[in-house]
Amino acid sequence: MSDIFASPFFGITISILAFFIGLEIQKRTKIALCNPLLLAIILVIVFLKIFGISYDDYNEGGAIINMFLAPATACLAVSIYTKRRILKESWLPILVGCTVGCLASMGSVLVMCHLFGLDEAMTASLTPKSVTTAIAISVAESHGGIAPVTVVAVLITGILGSIIAPFMIRLLRIKNPVEVGIAIGACSHAVGTSKAIEIGETEGAMSGLAIGVCGIITVVFSMFL
């Protein structure tokens, strides 16, 4: 039995099943808090605790999933290319929106870390929280950050963004699909984009575009930190 738990296929299978269950719960309940990724994380933790399985055994498969983060991030170029017409027509507001979003995200983290007296490692780990995981990890590690902390910060940011975004859109009465998509993608990366896709096709495409643009801007900004 221990050989099964130590197999990479165990971690991969558990991750996929947990996410599938989370997806089904979200579809049936339609509750924003029932985010599939959040539910999958909770299910995996509960499963490992109940059966006494170590994280190292589970991560044999998790590490393989992480290996695909970089190629998946590179594929964001496809979303930018497919929406190049909109990018050409609205390049200035898109660029300004993404830049302001990155400044607000990174600036608020720096201020809060300073107020709470967090050290440089924690600050570096939390600063790139609003970009996709592969980019966030690279930025954090290049400044002495802690990769696991960055991953958790990115996940929490994305999940909160996907939950709060629909409410904020209604509250602020935002009607333009480009504005909606850019706002979601700039603050809650891929997890938020999944919610943007549910809202509308253009919103999803613009959110995907914002992920790529904000990733580039964040890397540039991090060079001056």
Protein backbone atom coordinates (compact mmCIF):
# COMPACT_ATOMS: atom_id res chain seq x y z
CA MET A 1 0.00 0.00 0.00
CA SER A 2 2.84 2.39 0.84
CA ASP A 3 4.26 1.78 -2.64
CA ILE A 4 0.99 3.04 -4.11
CA PHE A 5 1.11 6.22 -2.02
CA ALA A 6 4.73 6.83 -3.06
CA SER A 7 3.87 6.51 -6.75
CA PRO A 8 3.68 9.77 -8.77
CA PHE A 9 0.37 8.57 -10.21
CA PHE A 10 -1.17 8.69 -6.74
CA GLY A 11 -0.63 12.44 -6.33
CA ILE A 12 -1.79 13.16 -9.87
CA THR A 13 -4.92 11.00 -9.54
CA ILE A 14 -5.91 12.48 -6.17
CA SER A 15 -5.43 16.03 -7.48
CA ILE A 16 -7.57 15.41 -10.57
CA LEU A 17 -10.32 13.63 -8.63
CA ALA A 18 -10.43 16.34 -5.97
CA PHE A 19 -10.71 19.08 -8.58
CA PHE A 20 -13.40 17.13 -10.45
CA ILE A 21 -15.43 16.77 -7.24
CA GLY A 22 -14.96 20.49 -6.54
CA LEU A 23 -16.18 21.30 -10.04
CA GLU A 24 -19.28 19.16 -9.63
CA ILE A 25 -20.10 20.75 -6.27
CA GLN A 26 -19.71 24.23 -7.76
CA LYS A 27 -21.93 23.35 -10.72
CA ARG A 28 -24.67 21.96 -8.50
CA THR A 29 -24.62 24.64 -5.80
CA LYS A 30 -23.75 27.73 -7.93
CA ILE A 31 -22.29 29.22 -4.75
CA ALA A 32 -19.30 31.52 -5.26
CA LEU A 33 -17.57 30.23 -2.12
CA CYS A 34 -17.61 26.72 -3.58
CA ASN A 35 -14.62 27.46 -5.77
CA PRO A 36 -13.39 24.20 -7.37
CA LEU A 37 -9.74 24.92 -6.60
CA LEU A 38 -10.48 25.81 -2.98
CA LEU A 39 -12.61 22.69 -2.54
CA ALA A 40 -9.92 20.55 -4.19
CA ILE A 41 -7.29 21.86 -1.76
CA ILE A 42 -9.53 21.13 1.24
CA LEU A 43 -10.41 17.64 -0.05
CA VAL A 44 -6.76 16.71 -0.64
CA ILE A 45 -5.74 17.95 2.82
CA VAL A 46 -8.58 16.03 4.50
CA PHE A 47 -7.77 12.88 2.52
CA LEU A 48 -4.07 12.99 3.44
CA LYS A 49 -4.88 13.61 7.10
CA ILE A 50 -7.46 10.82 7.38
CA PHE A 51 -5.22 8.19 5.81
CA GLY A 52 -2.00 9.48 7.37
CA ILE A 53 -0.27 10.04 4.04
CA SER A 54 2.76 12.29 4.11
CA TYR A 55 2.96 15.40 1.94
CA ASP A 56 6.23 14.13 0.45
CA ASP A 57 4.49 11.02 -0.90
CA TYR A 58 1.65 13.08 -2.34
CA ASN A 59 4.08 15.58 -3.84
CA GLU A 60 5.73 12.87 -5.95
CA GLY A 61 2.82 13.46 -8.32
CA GLY A 62 2.31 17.11 -7.41
CA ALA A 63 5.81 17.92 -8.58
CA ILE A 64 4.97 16.52 -12.01
CA ILE A 65 1.91 18.77 -12.19
CA ASN A 66 4.07 21.75 -11.21
CA MET A 67 6.40 20.91 -14.08
CA PHE A 68 3.67 21.98 -16.51
CA LEU A 69 3.30 25.45 -14.98
CA ALA A 70 5.99 27.04 -17.15
CA PRO A 71 4.71 25.64 -20.49
CA ALA A 72 1.14 26.58 -19.51
CA THR A 73 2.29 30.12 -18.78
CA ALA A 74 4.04 30.32 -22.16
CA CYS A 75 0.72 29.36 -23.76
CA LEU A 76 -0.70 32.69 -22.56
CA ALA A 77 0.92 34.11 -25.68
CA VAL A 78 -1.85 32.38 -27.64
CA SER A 79 -4.57 34.39 -25.89
CA ILE A 80 -2.68 37.60 -26.60
CA TYR A 81 -2.27 36.68 -30.27
CA THR A 82 -5.89 35.65 -30.81
CA LYS A 83 -7.08 38.99 -29.42
CA ARG A 84 -4.46 41.11 -31.16
CA ARG A 85 -7.15 43.16 -32.91
CA ILE A 86 -8.64 44.32 -29.61
CA LEU A 87 -5.13 44.83 -28.27
CA LYS A 88 -4.27 47.08 -31.23
CA GLU A 89 -7.49 49.05 -30.91
CA SER A 90 -7.36 49.47 -27.13
CA TRP A 91 -3.66 49.03 -26.37
CA LEU A 92 -3.38 52.21 -24.29
CA PRO A 93 -6.25 51.59 -21.82
CA ILE A 94 -5.26 47.91 -21.57
CA LEU A 95 -1.63 48.79 -20.87
CA VAL A 96 -2.56 51.53 -18.38
CA GLY A 97 -5.11 49.29 -16.66
CA CYS A 98 -2.63 46.42 -16.28
CA THR A 99 0.12 48.78 -15.11
CA VAL A 100 -2.10 50.39 -12.49
CA GLY A 101 -3.30 46.95 -11.38
CA CYS A 102 0.27 45.71 -10.92
CA LEU A 103 1.29 48.88 -9.08
CA ALA A 104 -1.71 48.63 -6.76
CA SER A 105 -1.08 44.95 -6.05
CA MET A 106 2.68 45.15 -5.47
CA GLY A 107 2.49 48.53 -3.72
CA SER A 108 -0.17 47.42 -1.26
CA VAL A 109 1.87 44.33 -0.36
CA LEU A 110 5.01 46.39 0.22
CA VAL A 111 3.13 48.83 2.44
CA MET A 112 1.38 46.09 4.46
CA CYS A 113 4.60 44.12 4.90
CA HIS A 114 6.31 47.26 6.17
CA LEU A 115 3.45 48.02 8.58
CA PHE A 116 3.46 44.49 9.99
CA GLY A 117 7.24 44.30 10.17
CA LEU A 118 7.68 41.29 7.88
CA ASP A 119 11.21 40.43 6.81
CA GLU A 120 12.61 40.71 3.28
CA ALA A 121 12.03 37.03 2.48
CA MET A 122 8.32 37.21 3.31
CA THR A 123 7.96 40.51 1.47
CA ALA A 124 9.59 39.05 -1.63
CA SER A 125 7.34 35.98 -1.35
CA LEU A 126 4.10 38.00 -1.19
CA THR A 127 4.86 40.82 -3.64
CA PRO A 128 4.06 38.93 -6.90
CA LYS A 129 0.80 37.44 -5.52
CA SER A 130 -1.41 38.71 -8.34
CA VAL A 131 0.34 37.04 -11.28
CA THR A 132 0.22 33.44 -12.43
CA THR A 133 2.12 30.92 -10.31
CA ALA A 134 5.08 30.19 -12.60
CA ILE A 135 5.94 33.88 -12.98
CA ALA A 136 5.27 34.62 -9.30
CA ILE A 137 7.63 31.87 -8.15
CA SER A 138 10.41 33.04 -10.47
CA VAL A 139 10.04 36.65 -9.31
CA ALA A 140 9.92 35.67 -5.63
CA GLU A 141 12.91 33.32 -5.76
CA SER A 142 15.03 35.86 -7.65
CA HIS A 143 14.59 38.21 -4.66
CA GLY A 144 15.16 35.61 -1.96
CA GLY A 145 11.50 34.73 -1.46
CA ILE A 146 10.04 31.42 -0.26
CA ALA A 147 8.34 29.54 -3.10
CA PRO A 148 5.69 27.65 -1.02
CA VAL A 149 4.58 30.94 0.60
CA THR A 150 4.29 32.51 -2.85
CA VAL A 151 2.18 29.60 -4.12
CA VAL A 152 -0.23 29.94 -1.18
CA ALA A 153 -0.44 33.73 -1.65
CA VAL A 154 -1.19 33.31 -5.37
CA LEU A 155 -3.87 30.70 -4.66
CA ILE A 156 -5.58 32.80 -2.00
CA THR A 157 -5.48 35.88 -4.24
CA GLY A 158 -6.96 34.01 -7.18
CA ILE A 159 -9.70 32.34 -5.16
CA LEU A 160 -10.71 35.58 -3.43
CA GLY A 161 -10.71 37.38 -6.77
CA SER A 162 -12.96 34.80 -8.41
CA ILE A 163 -15.39 34.99 -5.47
CA ILE A 164 -15.46 38.78 -5.08
CA ALA A 165 -15.21 39.81 -8.77
CA PRO A 166 -18.89 39.21 -9.74
CA PHE A 167 -20.06 41.18 -6.69
CA MET A 168 -17.73 44.10 -7.45
CA ILE A 169 -18.83 44.18 -11.09
CA ARG A 170 -22.46 44.53 -10.01
CA LEU A 171 -21.63 47.01 -7.25
CA LEU A 172 -19.64 49.30 -9.56
CA ARG A 173 -22.03 48.70 -12.49
CA ILE A 174 -19.27 47.91 -14.96
CA LYS A 175 -20.79 47.05 -18.33
CA ASN A 176 -17.80 47.05 -20.70
CA PRO A 177 -16.61 43.42 -21.14
CA VAL A 178 -13.03 44.54 -21.86
CA GLU A 179 -12.90 46.47 -18.58
CA VAL A 180 -14.32 43.52 -16.67
CA GLY A 181 -11.84 41.06 -18.17
CA ILE A 182 -8.78 43.24 -17.68
CA ALA A 183 -9.73 43.98 -14.06
CA ILE A 184 -10.22 40.31 -13.19
CA GLY A 185 -7.09 39.09 -14.97
CA ALA A 186 -4.92 41.84 -13.51
CA CYS A 187 -5.79 41.04 -9.90
CA SER A 188 -6.64 37.33 -9.79
CA HIS A 189 -4.75 35.69 -12.71
CA ALA A 190 -5.82 32.23 -13.98
CA VAL A 191 -8.25 31.37 -11.18
CA GLY A 192 -10.08 34.64 -11.75
CA THR A 193 -9.99 34.04 -15.50
CA SER A 194 -12.01 30.85 -15.04
CA LYS A 195 -14.72 33.02 -13.48
CA ALA A 196 -14.35 35.63 -16.24
CA ILE A 197 -14.97 32.90 -18.83
CA GLU A 198 -18.23 32.07 -17.05
CA ILE A 199 -19.25 35.73 -17.23
CA GLY A 200 -18.64 36.01 -20.98
CA GLU A 201 -16.36 35.06 -23.89
CA THR A 202 -14.84 38.52 -24.29
CA GLU A 203 -14.38 38.88 -20.54
CA GLY A 204 -12.52 35.57 -20.45
CA ALA A 205 -10.31 36.46 -23.39
CA MET A 206 -9.43 39.86 -21.94
CA SER A 207 -8.70 38.32 -18.57
CA GLY A 208 -6.33 35.86 -20.23
CA LEU A 209 -4.70 38.75 -22.05
CA ALA A 210 -4.28 40.64 -18.77
CA ILE A 211 -2.51 37.64 -17.22
CA GLY A 212 0.21 37.78 -19.87
CA VAL A 213 0.56 41.56 -19.89
CA CYS A 214 0.58 41.81 -16.08
CA GLY A 215 3.13 39.02 -15.88
CA ILE A 216 5.51 40.97 -18.09
CA ILE A 217 4.91 44.22 -16.20
CA THR A 218 5.42 42.52 -12.83
CA VAL A 219 8.76 41.08 -13.95
CA VAL A 220 9.86 44.54 -15.09
CA PHE A 221 8.70 46.21 -11.86
CA SER A 222 10.43 43.57 -9.74
CA MET A 223 13.78 44.58 -11.24
CA PHE A 224 13.50 47.91 -9.40
CA LEU A 225 12.56 46.50 -5.99
